[in-house]
Amino acid sequence: MKNTLSRRAFLGRTAKTAALTAIAGAFSVPPARARIVGANDAVNVAVIGTGGMGSRHVEALAKNPNCRLVALCDVGKSRYVRAAEIAKGVSGADIPTYQDFREVLPREDVDAIFIATPDHWHPLLAMLGCEAGKDVYVEKPASPTVAEGRAMVNAARRYGRVMQLGTQQRSMPVFQKAIEVVHSGRIGQVTSASAWVDTNGFGLGENPEPVPKGLDWDLWLGPAPFVPYAPERYFGFMGWHDYARGGQLTNWGVHLMDIVHWGIQQDTPLSIQALGGSYQGGAGADNYETIDAILEYPGVSVTWEQRHSNTQEGKGYGIHFQGTKGELFVDRGSFVVRPNGLGIAEYVGAPELSWANDDHHNNFFHCVRTRQKPAADIEQGHRSTSAVLLAGIALKARRKLFWDGANEKFFNDPAADSYLTRAYRPPWRIPG
């Protein structure tokens, strides 16, 4: 009969299912043997998640002589087909495509994976990549919870893998030069710093509908709770706590707080307070429109300002370092120092051509070859992610929280501690 599987086909399908189940549920697959990448070798890369940010990575990687794209993967067929078209248009090569990452990780020719999925998948994919013997470039934020971020660091160290967070500002000359000024002491001792951005713009409500053809919705949800498909969740995942914790707070917040940490040379707050709300009803279902948070570090206070019409020194987002002699404002385009009497001229950087920054990519590939720590090592990325996650927890708690950085929990506050982790939907679970 036409619907009857042959014995060969049945055994093949059974073997494939067993292999995928082993990775997904039991996590008992032994680490793959990592290929030693020579000093002049191109790094073989698989991109997992080929939507907006992922497609930017694909376009940049397809023309980068330091790497070779060998696999593209996304739960949505239309997305990986489009990514393959982009790659072929740039490099002329036909790149193998996949819908399930569990078919990518066992490939021994894959040296590194780029993770550009929604946030809720970052920790698990990164840890499974390490377990499979791959180096990992993971988009920010590192994780939706503090505990998962620490598990990512532990996995990178346990398996000896390079893990770079996609906080590309660390590799941009405009920020490097701005931090040189801050650290030089020319604006004095920095006693306060701030980061600012506009508001969340994610729409309210959802309208469930049939799952689009070619989309594996259950796999897109992964460890998140099961809900019916809704385009608002799929296309606007940053509005939902199941997939992202804070909207712009964790989207732009990790980028900007990372530079704050770099400038003040501290990355562990002592206390956190936050207020905010959706006063015009325009934010996502779980994430507030406006947020003001203050984080206390030894000797310096830091504020996060997420407000309407939020412009400073002509910049719609950025970082401000306030010193005892002057102040510095920086974004991806330039930095300016006040007062003018300090004699530090405005620095204007090169135009930002893509969020997929070549210098940041190349730093990662250099570290894959040399086994050095990258510019945005996962420990540092975890701490910059943690800062904004803690602000989000303070926002939910509606009170001042005190942070035990050594143990990564709050002092005598079990209710606040409950936000530091999240449950995974079976069969997904953290490896180890």
Protein backbone atom coordinates (compact mmCIF):
# COMPACT_ATOMS: atom_id res chain seq x y z
CA MET A 1 0.00 0.00 0.00
CA LYS A 2 1.13 3.59 -0.66
CA ASN A 3 0.93 4.58 3.01
CA THR A 4 2.97 1.63 4.23
CA LEU A 5 6.61 2.38 5.14
CA SER A 6 9.27 0.05 3.81
CA ARG A 7 11.44 -1.61 6.46
CA ARG A 8 14.45 0.47 5.36
CA ALA A 9 12.49 3.71 5.51
CA PHE A 10 11.00 2.77 8.89
CA LEU A 11 14.40 1.98 10.40
CA GLY A 12 15.88 5.17 8.98
CA ARG A 13 13.10 7.30 10.40
CA THR A 14 13.27 5.50 13.75
CA ALA A 15 17.02 6.05 14.02
CA LYS A 16 16.64 9.74 13.21
CA THR A 17 13.84 10.15 15.77
CA ALA A 18 15.89 8.37 18.43
CA ALA A 19 18.87 10.60 17.81
CA LEU A 20 16.80 13.77 18.03
CA THR A 21 15.02 12.57 21.15
CA ALA A 22 18.35 11.83 22.82
CA ILE A 23 19.47 15.41 22.33
CA ALA A 24 16.11 16.93 23.22
CA GLY A 25 15.09 14.95 26.26
CA ALA A 26 17.75 12.85 27.92
CA PHE A 27 20.70 15.07 26.99
CA SER A 28 22.83 11.95 27.09
CA VAL A 29 24.64 12.43 23.79
CA PRO A 30 28.40 12.52 24.45
CA PRO A 31 30.23 15.67 23.40
CA ALA A 32 31.24 15.64 19.75
CA ARG A 33 34.92 15.72 18.96
CA ALA A 34 35.76 19.33 18.17
CA ARG A 35 37.79 19.97 15.03
CA ILE A 36 41.04 21.82 15.66
CA VAL A 37 40.81 24.98 13.58
CA GLY A 38 44.20 26.01 12.22
CA ALA A 39 45.52 29.57 12.25
CA ASN A 40 44.68 30.02 8.57
CA ASP A 41 41.55 27.86 8.41
CA ALA A 42 38.11 29.25 7.73
CA VAL A 43 35.75 28.52 10.63
CA ASN A 44 32.78 26.37 9.58
CA VAL A 45 29.62 28.09 10.82
CA ALA A 46 25.96 27.12 11.21
CA VAL A 47 23.41 29.88 11.81
CA ILE A 48 20.42 28.86 13.94
CA GLY A 49 17.60 31.38 13.70
CA THR A 50 17.45 33.20 10.36
CA GLY A 51 14.84 35.90 10.94
CA GLY A 52 15.69 39.60 11.08
CA MET A 53 18.93 39.48 13.06
CA GLY A 54 19.85 36.04 11.77
CA SER A 55 19.56 37.11 8.15
CA ARG A 56 21.89 40.04 8.89
CA HIS A 57 24.44 37.57 10.22
CA VAL A 58 24.01 35.34 7.18
CA GLU A 59 24.63 38.23 4.80
CA ALA A 60 27.78 39.30 6.66
CA LEU A 61 29.14 35.80 7.18
CA ALA A 62 28.60 34.76 3.56
CA LYS A 63 31.22 37.29 2.45
CA ASN A 64 33.61 36.96 5.40
CA PRO A 65 36.82 35.12 4.38
CA ASN A 66 37.40 34.06 8.00
CA CYS A 67 34.47 31.65 7.93
CA ARG A 68 32.47 29.30 5.75
CA LEU A 69 28.71 28.97 6.06
CA VAL A 70 27.86 25.26 6.12
CA ALA A 71 24.30 25.17 7.54
CA LEU A 72 21.25 27.40 7.98
CA CYS A 73 18.47 26.49 10.37
CA ASP A 74 15.12 27.95 11.35
CA VAL A 75 11.81 26.53 12.55
CA GLY A 76 10.11 28.54 9.78
CA LYS A 77 10.73 27.21 6.27
CA SER A 78 10.16 30.58 4.63
CA ARG A 79 12.92 32.08 6.76
CA TYR A 80 15.61 29.51 6.07
CA VAL A 81 14.72 29.50 2.36
CA ARG A 82 15.12 33.28 2.29
CA ALA A 83 18.41 33.05 4.23
CA ALA A 84 19.74 30.50 1.72
CA GLU A 85 18.83 32.88 -1.11
CA ILE A 86 20.69 35.71 0.63
CA ALA A 87 23.77 33.54 1.15
CA LYS A 88 23.79 32.33 -2.44
CA GLY A 89 23.37 35.88 -3.72
CA VAL A 90 26.46 36.94 -1.77
CA SER A 91 28.73 33.90 -2.08
CA GLY A 92 27.24 31.89 -4.93
CA ALA A 93 27.15 28.80 -2.71
CA ASP A 94 24.18 26.55 -1.96
CA ILE A 95 24.05 26.18 1.83
CA PRO A 96 22.29 23.14 3.34
CA THR A 97 19.13 24.10 5.24
CA TYR A 98 17.40 22.57 8.24
CA GLN A 99 14.23 23.10 10.24
CA ASP A 100 15.44 21.32 13.39
CA PHE A 101 18.68 22.31 15.13
CA ARG A 102 19.03 18.73 16.39
CA GLU A 103 20.07 17.73 12.88
CA VAL A 104 22.76 20.44 12.84
CA LEU A 105 24.55 19.87 16.15
CA PRO A 106 25.76 16.32 15.39
CA ARG A 107 27.57 17.48 12.24
CA GLU A 108 31.29 17.13 12.95
CA ASP A 109 32.20 19.65 10.27
CA VAL A 110 30.41 22.46 12.16
CA ASP A 111 32.98 24.34 14.25
CA ALA A 112 30.72 27.07 15.61
CA ILE A 113 27.06 28.01 15.81
CA PHE A 114 25.53 31.46 15.64
CA ILE A 115 22.32 31.65 17.70
CA ALA A 116 19.91 34.37 16.54
CA THR A 117 16.63 32.90 17.80
CA PRO A 118 14.14 34.60 20.14
CA ASP A 119 15.60 35.08 23.63
CA HIS A 120 13.91 32.11 25.29
CA TRP A 121 15.98 29.70 23.17
CA HIS A 122 19.40 31.30 23.77
CA PRO A 123 20.46 29.41 26.93
CA LEU A 124 19.44 25.92 25.89
CA LEU A 125 20.90 26.17 22.38
CA ALA A 126 24.14 27.62 23.72
CA MET A 127 24.54 24.87 26.30
CA LEU A 128 23.69 22.11 23.81
CA GLY A 129 26.16 23.64 21.38
CA CYS A 130 28.91 23.47 23.99
CA GLU A 131 27.97 19.89 24.81
CA ALA A 132 28.19 19.04 21.11
CA GLY A 133 31.72 20.46 20.90
CA LYS A 134 30.84 23.72 19.14
CA ASP A 135 32.00 27.23 19.89
CA VAL A 136 29.08 29.60 20.29
CA TYR A 137 28.19 33.14 19.20
CA VAL A 138 24.88 33.94 20.87
CA GLU A 139 22.79 37.04 20.38
CA LYS A 140 21.94 39.25 23.31
CA PRO A 141 20.40 39.10 25.83
CA ALA A 142 22.29 36.06 27.00
CA SER A 143 19.26 34.64 28.78
CA PRO A 144 15.78 35.40 30.09
CA THR A 145 16.81 34.58 33.67
CA VAL A 146 19.92 34.94 35.82
CA ALA A 147 20.16 31.22 36.62
CA GLU A 148 20.18 30.29 32.93
CA GLY A 149 22.92 32.82 32.25
CA ARG A 150 25.11 31.28 34.93
CA ALA A 151 24.42 27.83 33.45
CA MET A 152 25.64 29.13 30.07
CA VAL A 153 28.91 30.31 31.63
CA ASN A 154 29.33 26.99 33.40
CA ALA A 155 28.73 25.06 30.16
CA ALA A 156 31.30 27.11 28.26
CA ARG A 157 33.90 26.50 30.96
CA ARG A 158 33.03 22.82 31.46
CA TYR A 159 33.45 21.98 27.78
CA GLY A 160 36.26 24.44 27.06
CA ARG A 161 34.25 26.34 24.44
CA VAL A 162 34.53 29.92 23.23
CA MET A 163 31.23 31.75 23.81
CA GLN A 164 30.77 35.31 22.56
CA LEU A 165 27.70 37.46 23.25
CA GLY A 166 26.42 39.59 20.38
CA THR A 167 27.15 42.86 22.18
CA GLN A 168 29.05 44.16 19.19
CA GLN A 169 29.59 47.60 20.70
CA ARG A 170 32.63 46.11 22.48
CA SER A 171 34.26 45.81 19.05
CA MET A 172 33.29 49.26 17.71
CA PRO A 173 36.02 51.95 17.72
CA VAL A 174 33.62 54.70 18.84
CA PHE A 175 32.99 52.91 22.13
CA GLN A 176 36.59 51.78 22.54
CA LYS A 177 37.80 55.37 22.20
CA ALA A 178 35.06 56.72 24.47
CA ILE A 179 36.01 54.25 27.19
CA GLU A 180 39.67 55.25 26.81
CA VAL A 181 38.64 58.82 27.65
CA VAL A 182 36.56 57.70 30.65
CA HIS A 183 39.36 55.50 32.01
CA SER A 184 42.00 58.20 31.41
CA GLY A 185 40.49 60.32 34.18
CA ARG A 186 40.05 63.33 31.91
CA ILE A 187 36.40 63.73 33.00
CA GLY A 188 37.39 63.01 36.61
CA GLN A 189 36.04 60.31 38.85
CA VAL A 190 32.82 58.86 37.47
CA THR A 191 30.24 59.00 40.25
CA SER A 192 27.14 58.34 38.17
CA ALA A 193 26.21 56.94 34.77
CA SER A 194 23.02 56.48 32.83
CA ALA A 195 21.69 54.70 29.77
CA TRP A 196 18.61 55.85 27.91
CA VAL A 197 16.32 54.74 25.11
CA ASP A 198 12.76 55.27 23.89
CA THR A 199 9.74 53.21 24.98
CA ASN A 200 8.45 49.74 24.23
CA GLY A 201 6.32 49.77 21.10
CA PHE A 202 4.84 46.31 21.14
CA GLY A 203 1.10 46.11 20.52
CA LEU A 204 -1.46 44.83 22.98
CA GLY A 205 -3.44 41.63 22.56
CA GLU A 206 -3.17 38.52 20.43
CA ASN A 207 -5.32 36.84 17.82
CA PRO A 208 -4.75 33.08 17.63
CA GLU A 209 -5.03 31.52 14.20
CA PRO A 210 -3.92 28.33 12.40
CA VAL A 211 -0.20 27.72 12.31
CA PRO A 212 1.21 28.93 8.97
CA LYS A 213 2.37 26.26 6.57
CA GLY A 214 6.04 25.48 6.97
CA LEU A 215 6.31 26.66 10.60
CA ASP A 216 7.04 24.21 13.42
CA TRP A 217 5.23 26.15 16.15
CA ASP A 218 5.85 23.57 18.87
CA LEU A 219 9.59 23.75 18.23
CA TRP A 220 9.48 27.56 18.12
CA LEU A 221 7.95 27.49 21.62
CA GLY A 222 10.49 24.91 22.80
CA PRO A 223 10.96 25.27 26.58
CA ALA A 224 8.32 28.02 26.83
CA PRO A 225 4.72 27.19 27.87
CA PHE A 226 2.48 25.90 25.11
CA VAL A 227 0.00 28.41 23.70
CA PRO A 228 -1.86 28.46 20.39
CA TYR A 229 -0.10 30.18 17.54
CA ALA A 230 -0.65 33.93 17.32
CA PRO A 231 1.22 36.20 14.88
CA GLU A 232 1.64 38.79 17.65
CA ARG A 233 3.77 36.30 19.59
CA TYR A 234 5.72 35.03 16.59
CA PHE A 235 6.56 38.41 15.09
CA GLY A 236 6.50 40.45 18.30
CA PHE A 237 8.03 38.05 20.81
CA MET A 238 9.72 40.89 22.72
CA GLY A 239 6.34 41.90 24.09
CA TRP A 240 5.87 38.61 25.96
CA HIS A 241 7.53 37.44 29.15
CA ASP A 242 7.44 33.84 27.93
CA TYR A 243 10.11 34.76 25.38
CA ALA A 244 11.73 38.04 26.49
CA ARG A 245 11.94 39.68 29.90
CA GLY A 246 11.38 43.37 29.45
CA GLY A 247 11.15 44.35 25.80
CA GLN A 248 13.54 47.25 25.25
CA LEU A 249 14.86 46.79 28.79
CA THR A 250 16.57 43.58 27.68
CA ASN A 251 16.81 44.37 23.98
CA TRP A 252 18.67 47.70 24.06
CA GLY A 253 19.36 47.50 27.77
CA VAL A 254 22.01 44.78 27.52
CA HIS A 255 23.89 46.74 24.82
CA LEU A 256 23.88 49.97 26.80
CA MET A 257 24.44 48.59 30.29
CA ASP A 258 27.35 46.59 28.93
CA ILE A 259 29.08 49.86 28.03
CA VAL A 260 28.18 51.32 31.43
CA HIS A 261 29.85 48.34 33.12
CA TRP A 262 32.89 48.76 30.89
CA GLY A 263 33.16 52.43 31.78
CA ILE A 264 32.66 52.18 35.56
CA GLN A 265 34.75 48.97 35.69
CA GLN A 266 32.14 47.22 37.80
CA ASP A 267 29.46 44.71 36.86
CA THR A 268 27.70 43.65 40.06
CA PRO A 269 25.07 45.96 41.55
CA LEU A 270 24.45 46.17 45.28
CA SER A 271 20.82 47.27 45.12
CA ILE A 272 18.13 47.86 42.50
CA GLN A 273 14.93 49.90 42.36
CA ALA A 274 12.53 50.45 39.45
CA LEU A 275 9.23 52.07 38.54
CA GLY A 276 7.26 52.07 35.33
CA GLY A 277 4.04 51.40 33.54
CA SER A 278 2.08 51.38 30.31
CA TYR A 279 0.50 54.77 30.72
CA GLN A 280 -0.76 55.04 27.15
CA GLY A 281 -1.62 51.38 26.74
CA GLY A 282 0.91 50.84 23.97
CA ALA A 283 3.29 48.28 25.47
CA GLY A 284 3.22 44.54 25.03
CA ALA A 285 1.12 42.26 27.16
CA ASP A 286 3.86 41.66 29.72
CA ASN A 287 6.40 44.44 29.22
CA TYR A 288 5.99 48.03 30.39
CA GLU A 289 6.08 51.01 28.07
CA THR A 290 8.20 53.28 30.29
CA ILE A 291 10.73 52.28 32.93
CA ASP A 292 13.02 54.18 35.29
CA ALA A 293 15.50 52.11 37.27
CA ILE A 294 18.43 52.92 39.51
CA LEU A 295 21.19 50.46 40.28
CA GLU A 296 23.71 51.09 43.05
CA TYR A 297 27.31 49.99 42.54
CA PRO A 298 30.20 50.65 44.95
CA GLY A 299 30.92 54.36 44.61
CA VAL A 300 28.66 54.99 41.61
CA SER A 301 24.93 55.08 40.83
CA VAL A 302 23.54 53.99 37.48
CA THR A 303 20.14 54.82 36.00
CA TRP A 304 18.17 53.21 33.19
CA GLU A 305 15.79 55.66 31.49
CA GLN A 306 13.16 54.29 29.11
CA ARG A 307 10.98 57.27 28.24
CA HIS A 308 9.03 59.04 25.50
CA SER A 309 10.92 61.63 23.41
CA ASN A 310 14.09 60.59 25.19
CA THR A 311 16.95 62.56 23.64
CA GLN A 312 20.21 63.74 25.17
CA GLU A 313 22.87 65.68 23.26
CA GLY A 314 20.89 64.97 20.10
CA LYS A 315 21.06 61.22 20.66
CA GLY A 316 17.88 59.14 20.84
CA TYR A 317 19.70 56.44 22.82
CA GLY A 318 23.08 56.17 24.45
CA ILE A 319 25.22 56.20 27.55
CA HIS A 320 26.17 59.15 29.75
CA PHE A 321 29.15 59.11 32.12
CA GLN A 322 29.09 61.90 34.73
CA GLY A 323 32.51 62.67 36.18
CA THR A 324 33.74 65.15 38.75
CA LYS A 325 35.36 67.25 35.97
CA GLY A 326 33.04 66.68 33.03
CA GLU A 327 30.68 64.34 31.23
CA LEU A 328 30.70 62.11 28.15
CA PHE A 329 27.76 61.10 25.95
CA VAL A 330 28.18 58.24 23.47
CA ASP A 331 26.11 56.26 20.97
CA ARG A 332 27.08 54.18 17.92
CA GLY A 333 27.65 57.26 15.83
CA SER A 334 29.84 59.49 17.99
CA PHE A 335 30.82 60.66 21.45
CA VAL A 336 30.96 64.19 22.81
CA VAL A 337 32.58 65.52 26.00
CA ARG A 338 31.35 68.50 28.01
CA PRO A 339 32.45 71.12 28.95
CA ASN A 340 34.24 72.16 25.79
CA GLY A 341 37.01 73.57 27.97
CA LEU A 342 38.32 70.06 28.58
CA GLY A 343 39.59 70.21 25.01
CA ILE A 344 38.33 66.80 23.92
CA ALA A 345 36.97 66.99 20.38
CA GLU A 346 33.84 65.16 19.28
CA TYR A 347 34.67 61.77 17.78
CA VAL A 348 32.55 60.61 14.86
CA GLY A 349 32.73 56.92 14.06
CA ALA A 350 32.18 55.05 10.82
CA PRO A 351 28.53 54.58 9.79
CA GLU A 352 26.94 51.45 11.19
CA LEU A 353 26.36 49.32 8.11
CA SER A 354 24.79 46.34 9.86
CA TRP A 355 23.99 45.11 13.34
CA ALA A 356 26.01 42.04 12.33
CA ASN A 357 29.36 43.68 13.00
CA ASP A 358 32.34 42.32 11.05
CA ASP A 359 34.88 43.29 13.74
CA HIS A 360 32.88 41.43 16.38
CA HIS A 361 32.56 38.39 14.11
CA ASN A 362 36.29 38.42 13.41
CA ASN A 363 37.14 38.71 17.09
CA PHE A 364 35.09 35.56 17.63
CA PHE A 365 36.80 33.70 14.78
CA HIS A 366 40.23 34.75 16.07
CA CYS A 367 39.33 33.28 19.46
CA VAL A 368 38.01 30.07 17.90
CA ARG A 369 41.50 29.63 16.39
CA THR A 370 43.55 30.78 19.41
CA ARG A 371 41.20 29.63 22.23
CA GLN A 372 41.45 33.07 23.83
CA LYS A 373 38.50 34.75 25.52
CA PRO A 374 36.54 36.98 23.14
CA ALA A 375 35.81 40.70 23.50
CA ALA A 376 32.35 39.90 24.83
CA ASP A 377 33.03 36.68 26.75
CA ILE A 378 29.92 35.01 28.13
CA GLU A 379 30.81 35.80 31.76
CA GLN A 380 30.83 39.49 30.98
CA GLY A 381 27.74 39.14 28.79
CA HIS A 382 25.93 37.29 31.56
CA ARG A 383 26.63 40.08 34.04
CA SER A 384 25.46 42.81 31.64
CA THR A 385 22.31 40.77 30.98
CA SER A 386 21.81 40.18 34.70
CA ALA A 387 21.80 43.91 35.48
CA VAL A 388 18.76 44.61 33.32
CA LEU A 389 17.05 41.39 34.39
CA LEU A 390 17.40 42.54 38.00
CA ALA A 391 15.86 45.88 37.09
CA GLY A 392 12.93 43.99 35.59
CA ILE A 393 12.53 41.96 38.78
CA ALA A 394 12.57 45.13 40.89
CA LEU A 395 9.88 46.52 38.61
CA LYS A 396 7.69 43.50 39.26
CA ALA A 397 8.47 43.44 43.00
CA ARG A 398 7.73 47.19 43.36
CA ARG A 399 10.36 47.58 46.08
CA LYS A 400 14.08 48.05 46.61
CA LEU A 401 16.02 44.82 46.26
CA PHE A 402 19.46 43.97 47.63
CA TRP A 403 21.69 41.74 45.51
CA ASP A 404 24.16 39.10 46.71
CA GLY A 405 26.43 39.08 43.68
CA ALA A 406 28.71 36.34 44.96
CA ASN A 407 25.85 33.88 45.19
CA GLU A 408 23.63 35.48 42.51
CA LYS A 409 20.53 35.72 44.63
CA PHE A 410 18.78 38.40 46.66
CA PHE A 411 19.46 38.89 50.35
CA ASN A 412 16.65 37.33 52.41
CA ASP A 413 14.05 37.68 49.66
CA PRO A 414 12.65 34.33 48.46
CA ALA A 415 9.83 36.08 46.61
CA ALA A 416 12.29 38.02 44.46
CA ASP A 417 14.47 34.92 44.07
CA SER A 418 11.55 33.17 42.37
CA TYR A 419 12.17 35.37 39.29
CA LEU A 420 15.76 34.17 38.90
CA THR A 421 14.81 31.02 37.03
CA ARG A 422 11.92 29.62 34.99
CA ALA A 423 10.34 26.24 34.42
CA TYR A 424 11.05 24.43 31.14
CA ARG A 425 8.25 22.69 29.28
CA PRO A 426 8.97 18.94 29.04
CA PRO A 427 10.89 17.29 27.50
CA TRP A 428 13.20 20.30 27.42
CA ARG A 429 15.54 20.82 30.35
CA ILE A 430 18.90 22.35 31.13
CA PRO A 431 21.69 19.82 30.43
CA GLY A 432 23.92 18.57 33.18
